[in-house]
Amino acid sequence: MSVFMVERDLKGIAMEDLAGAQKAAIGKAGEMRQGGSDIRYIRTTFAPEDGRCMCLFEAESDSDVRRLNDEAGLPYSRIVPAMDLTPQG
């Protein structure tokens, strides 16, 4: 499995809408896993000052991540391979 970063421009989004988008991503990942896709939502980082949002997913391919976001109706500017460097401990 690889990690992919989804970049979004969400300038001006209300916090409740941001929470709804996160729930949609988590829910769609669960649906896709039940359907046989190996995909997992990791986390989101949001910078409210300029609306930049980065979401991390673990998946077999970027096409699975693209499908998740498209089916969940979540906007994105690009999807790129990434490394999750969160310390484990």
N, C-alpha and C. Protein backbone atom coordinates (compact mmCIF):
# COMPACT_ATOMS: atom_id res chain seq x y z
N MET A 1 0.85 -1.18 0.00
CA MET A 1 0.00 0.00 0.00
C MET A 1 0.88 1.23 0.00
N SER A 2 0.40 2.27 -0.66
CA SER A 2 1.11 3.54 -0.74
C SER A 2 0.27 4.63 -0.11
N VAL A 3 0.91 5.74 0.21
CA VAL A 3 0.21 6.91 0.75
C VAL A 3 0.07 7.94 -0.36
N PHE A 4 -1.10 8.55 -0.43
CA PHE A 4 -1.37 9.59 -1.42
C PHE A 4 -1.92 10.82 -0.70
N MET A 5 -1.50 11.99 -1.17
CA MET A 5 -1.99 13.25 -0.63
C MET A 5 -2.95 13.88 -1.63
N VAL A 6 -4.11 14.25 -1.13
CA VAL A 6 -5.11 14.93 -1.93
C VAL A 6 -5.06 16.41 -1.54
N GLU A 7 -4.77 17.25 -2.52
CA GLU A 7 -4.70 18.70 -2.28
C GLU A 7 -6.03 19.33 -2.67
N ARG A 8 -6.53 20.19 -1.78
CA ARG A 8 -7.81 20.87 -2.02
C ARG A 8 -7.67 22.36 -1.74
N ASP A 9 -8.43 23.15 -2.47
CA ASP A 9 -8.54 24.58 -2.19
C ASP A 9 -9.93 24.81 -1.63
N LEU A 10 -10.02 25.05 -0.33
CA LEU A 10 -11.31 25.19 0.34
C LEU A 10 -11.46 26.55 1.01
N LYS A 11 -10.88 27.57 0.40
CA LYS A 11 -10.95 28.91 0.98
C LYS A 11 -12.41 29.31 1.20
N GLY A 12 -12.69 29.77 2.42
CA GLY A 12 -14.03 30.23 2.76
C GLY A 12 -14.98 29.14 3.21
N ILE A 13 -14.53 27.90 3.30
CA ILE A 13 -15.42 26.81 3.71
C ILE A 13 -15.79 26.98 5.19
N ALA A 14 -17.03 26.72 5.51
CA ALA A 14 -17.49 26.73 6.90
C ALA A 14 -16.98 25.48 7.60
N MET A 15 -16.70 25.61 8.89
CA MET A 15 -16.14 24.48 9.64
C MET A 15 -17.08 23.27 9.63
N GLU A 16 -18.39 23.50 9.65
CA GLU A 16 -19.31 22.36 9.62
C GLU A 16 -19.27 21.66 8.25
N ASP A 17 -19.02 22.43 7.19
CA ASP A 17 -18.89 21.83 5.87
C ASP A 17 -17.58 21.04 5.76
N LEU A 18 -16.53 21.56 6.38
CA LEU A 18 -15.26 20.84 6.41
C LEU A 18 -15.42 19.52 7.15
N ALA A 19 -16.11 19.56 8.28
CA ALA A 19 -16.36 18.32 9.04
C ALA A 19 -17.19 17.34 8.21
N GLY A 20 -18.17 17.86 7.47
CA GLY A 20 -18.98 17.00 6.61
C GLY A 20 -18.17 16.34 5.51
N ALA A 21 -17.23 17.10 4.94
CA ALA A 21 -16.37 16.55 3.90
C ALA A 21 -15.49 15.44 4.46
N GLN A 22 -14.97 15.66 5.67
CA GLN A 22 -14.14 14.64 6.30
C GLN A 22 -14.97 13.37 6.56
N LYS A 23 -16.17 13.53 7.05
CA LYS A 23 -17.04 12.38 7.29
C LYS A 23 -17.35 11.65 5.99
N ALA A 24 -17.54 12.41 4.90
CA ALA A 24 -17.83 11.79 3.60
C ALA A 24 -16.64 10.96 3.13
N ALA A 25 -15.42 11.47 3.32
CA ALA A 25 -14.22 10.74 2.92
C ALA A 25 -14.07 9.46 3.73
N ILE A 26 -14.28 9.57 5.03
CA ILE A 26 -14.17 8.39 5.91
C ILE A 26 -15.23 7.36 5.54
N GLY A 27 -16.46 7.81 5.35
CA GLY A 27 -17.55 6.91 5.00
C GLY A 27 -17.34 6.22 3.67
N LYS A 28 -16.90 6.97 2.66
CA LYS A 28 -16.66 6.38 1.34
C LYS A 28 -15.52 5.38 1.39
N ALA A 29 -14.48 5.66 2.18
CA ALA A 29 -13.37 4.70 2.32
C ALA A 29 -13.89 3.40 2.92
N GLY A 30 -14.77 3.50 3.91
CA GLY A 30 -15.37 2.30 4.51
C GLY A 30 -16.19 1.51 3.50
N GLU A 31 -16.99 2.21 2.70
CA GLU A 31 -17.79 1.55 1.66
C GLU A 31 -16.89 0.84 0.65
N MET A 32 -15.83 1.52 0.25
CA MET A 32 -14.93 0.94 -0.75
C MET A 32 -14.21 -0.29 -0.19
N ARG A 33 -13.83 -0.25 1.10
CA ARG A 33 -13.20 -1.43 1.73
C ARG A 33 -14.17 -2.60 1.74
N GLN A 34 -15.43 -2.33 2.08
CA GLN A 34 -16.43 -3.40 2.08
C GLN A 34 -16.62 -3.96 0.67
N GLY A 35 -16.38 -3.14 -0.34
CA GLY A 35 -16.50 -3.58 -1.73
C GLY A 35 -15.24 -4.22 -2.27
N GLY A 36 -14.21 -4.34 -1.43
CA GLY A 36 -13.00 -5.03 -1.84
C GLY A 36 -11.80 -4.17 -2.16
N SER A 37 -11.94 -2.84 -2.12
CA SER A 37 -10.79 -1.96 -2.36
C SER A 37 -10.01 -1.78 -1.06
N ASP A 38 -8.70 -1.84 -1.17
CA ASP A 38 -7.85 -1.67 0.00
C ASP A 38 -7.47 -0.20 0.11
N ILE A 39 -8.29 0.58 0.82
CA ILE A 39 -8.08 2.02 0.95
C ILE A 39 -8.43 2.45 2.37
N ARG A 40 -7.68 3.44 2.86
CA ARG A 40 -7.90 3.91 4.23
C ARG A 40 -7.66 5.42 4.29
N TYR A 41 -8.58 6.14 4.91
CA TYR A 41 -8.40 7.56 5.20
C TYR A 41 -7.44 7.66 6.37
N ILE A 42 -6.42 8.51 6.28
CA ILE A 42 -5.47 8.68 7.37
C ILE A 42 -5.80 9.93 8.19
N ARG A 43 -5.76 11.10 7.55
CA ARG A 43 -6.06 12.34 8.26
C ARG A 43 -6.11 13.51 7.29
N THR A 44 -6.58 14.65 7.83
CA THR A 44 -6.65 15.90 7.08
C THR A 44 -5.93 16.99 7.85
N THR A 45 -5.22 17.84 7.11
CA THR A 45 -4.63 19.05 7.67
C THR A 45 -5.21 20.22 6.88
N PHE A 46 -5.71 21.23 7.62
CA PHE A 46 -6.37 22.37 6.98
C PHE A 46 -5.75 23.66 7.48
N ALA A 47 -5.43 24.56 6.55
CA ALA A 47 -4.90 25.88 6.88
C ALA A 47 -6.00 26.90 6.56
N PRO A 48 -6.78 27.33 7.56
CA PRO A 48 -7.93 28.18 7.30
C PRO A 48 -7.58 29.55 6.71
N GLU A 49 -6.39 30.05 6.98
CA GLU A 49 -6.02 31.37 6.49
C GLU A 49 -6.06 31.46 4.97
N ASP A 50 -5.59 30.41 4.31
CA ASP A 50 -5.61 30.45 2.84
C ASP A 50 -6.44 29.33 2.21
N GLY A 51 -7.09 28.50 3.02
CA GLY A 51 -7.98 27.48 2.51
C GLY A 51 -7.31 26.22 1.99
N ARG A 52 -5.99 26.10 2.21
CA ARG A 52 -5.32 24.88 1.75
C ARG A 52 -5.70 23.72 2.65
N CYS A 53 -5.96 22.60 2.00
CA CYS A 53 -6.35 21.39 2.71
C CYS A 53 -5.62 20.21 2.09
N MET A 54 -4.99 19.40 2.93
CA MET A 54 -4.29 18.21 2.48
C MET A 54 -4.85 17.00 3.23
N CYS A 55 -5.30 16.03 2.47
CA CYS A 55 -5.84 14.81 3.05
C CYS A 55 -4.95 13.65 2.65
N LEU A 56 -4.64 12.79 3.60
CA LEU A 56 -3.82 11.62 3.32
C LEU A 56 -4.68 10.36 3.30
N PHE A 57 -4.40 9.52 2.32
CA PHE A 57 -5.07 8.23 2.18
C PHE A 57 -4.01 7.16 1.94
N GLU A 58 -4.28 5.97 2.41
CA GLU A 58 -3.44 4.82 2.09
C GLU A 58 -4.25 3.97 1.12
N ALA A 59 -3.64 3.62 -0.01
CA ALA A 59 -4.37 2.88 -1.03
C ALA A 59 -3.40 2.13 -1.94
N GLU A 60 -3.95 1.24 -2.74
CA GLU A 60 -3.15 0.50 -3.72
C GLU A 60 -2.73 1.40 -4.88
N SER A 61 -3.59 2.38 -5.24
CA SER A 61 -3.28 3.23 -6.40
C SER A 61 -3.94 4.59 -6.26
N ASP A 62 -3.41 5.56 -7.01
CA ASP A 62 -4.03 6.88 -7.01
C ASP A 62 -5.41 6.84 -7.65
N SER A 63 -5.66 5.87 -8.52
CA SER A 63 -6.99 5.79 -9.14
C SER A 63 -8.05 5.44 -8.10
N ASP A 64 -7.72 4.63 -7.09
CA ASP A 64 -8.66 4.35 -6.00
C ASP A 64 -8.96 5.62 -5.21
N VAL A 65 -7.94 6.42 -4.95
CA VAL A 65 -8.12 7.67 -4.20
C VAL A 65 -8.95 8.65 -5.03
N ARG A 66 -8.69 8.73 -6.32
CA ARG A 66 -9.46 9.60 -7.21
C ARG A 66 -10.93 9.16 -7.21
N ARG A 67 -11.15 7.85 -7.32
CA ARG A 67 -12.53 7.33 -7.33
C ARG A 67 -13.25 7.68 -6.03
N LEU A 68 -12.58 7.51 -4.90
CA LEU A 68 -13.18 7.84 -3.61
C LEU A 68 -13.64 9.29 -3.58
N ASN A 69 -12.76 10.21 -3.96
CA ASN A 69 -13.09 11.64 -3.92
C ASN A 69 -14.17 12.00 -4.92
N ASP A 70 -14.11 11.42 -6.12
CA ASP A 70 -15.14 11.69 -7.13
C ASP A 70 -16.51 11.19 -6.65
N GLU A 71 -16.56 9.97 -6.15
CA GLU A 71 -17.84 9.40 -5.72
C GLU A 71 -18.38 10.10 -4.47
N ALA A 72 -17.50 10.61 -3.63
CA ALA A 72 -17.94 11.34 -2.43
C ALA A 72 -18.28 12.79 -2.75
N GLY A 73 -18.00 13.23 -3.98
CA GLY A 73 -18.30 14.60 -4.38
C GLY A 73 -17.39 15.62 -3.74
N LEU A 74 -16.14 15.22 -3.46
CA LEU A 74 -15.18 16.12 -2.79
C LEU A 74 -14.25 16.75 -3.82
N PRO A 75 -14.13 18.07 -3.81
CA PRO A 75 -13.26 18.74 -4.79
C PRO A 75 -11.79 18.52 -4.46
N TYR A 76 -10.96 18.49 -5.49
CA TYR A 76 -9.52 18.38 -5.29
C TYR A 76 -8.81 18.99 -6.50
N SER A 77 -7.60 19.46 -6.25
CA SER A 77 -6.81 20.02 -7.35
C SER A 77 -5.84 19.01 -7.90
N ARG A 78 -5.32 18.14 -7.04
CA ARG A 78 -4.45 17.07 -7.52
C ARG A 78 -4.28 16.00 -6.45
N ILE A 79 -3.82 14.84 -6.90
CA ILE A 79 -3.53 13.70 -6.03
C ILE A 79 -2.12 13.27 -6.36
N VAL A 80 -1.27 13.23 -5.34
CA VAL A 80 0.14 12.90 -5.55
C VAL A 80 0.61 11.86 -4.53
N PRO A 81 1.59 11.03 -4.91
CA PRO A 81 2.19 10.13 -3.94
C PRO A 81 2.83 10.94 -2.82
N ALA A 82 2.79 10.43 -1.60
CA ALA A 82 3.31 11.17 -0.44
C ALA A 82 3.94 10.18 0.54
N MET A 83 4.58 10.74 1.56
CA MET A 83 5.12 9.94 2.65
C MET A 83 4.50 10.45 3.94
N ASP A 84 3.95 9.59 4.73
CA ASP A 84 3.40 9.95 6.04
C ASP A 84 4.52 9.80 7.05
N LEU A 85 5.01 10.91 7.58
CA LEU A 85 6.17 10.89 8.49
C LEU A 85 5.77 11.10 9.93
N THR A 86 4.52 10.77 10.28
CA THR A 86 4.07 10.89 11.66
C THR A 86 4.87 9.92 12.52
N PRO A 87 5.48 10.43 13.61
CA PRO A 87 6.24 9.54 14.49
C PRO A 87 5.33 8.51 15.15
N GLN A 88 5.79 7.31 15.22
CA GLN A 88 5.04 6.25 15.90
C GLN A 88 5.58 6.13 17.31
N GLY A 89 4.72 6.07 18.27
CA GLY A 89 5.27 5.96 19.61
C GLY A 89 4.24 5.96 20.60
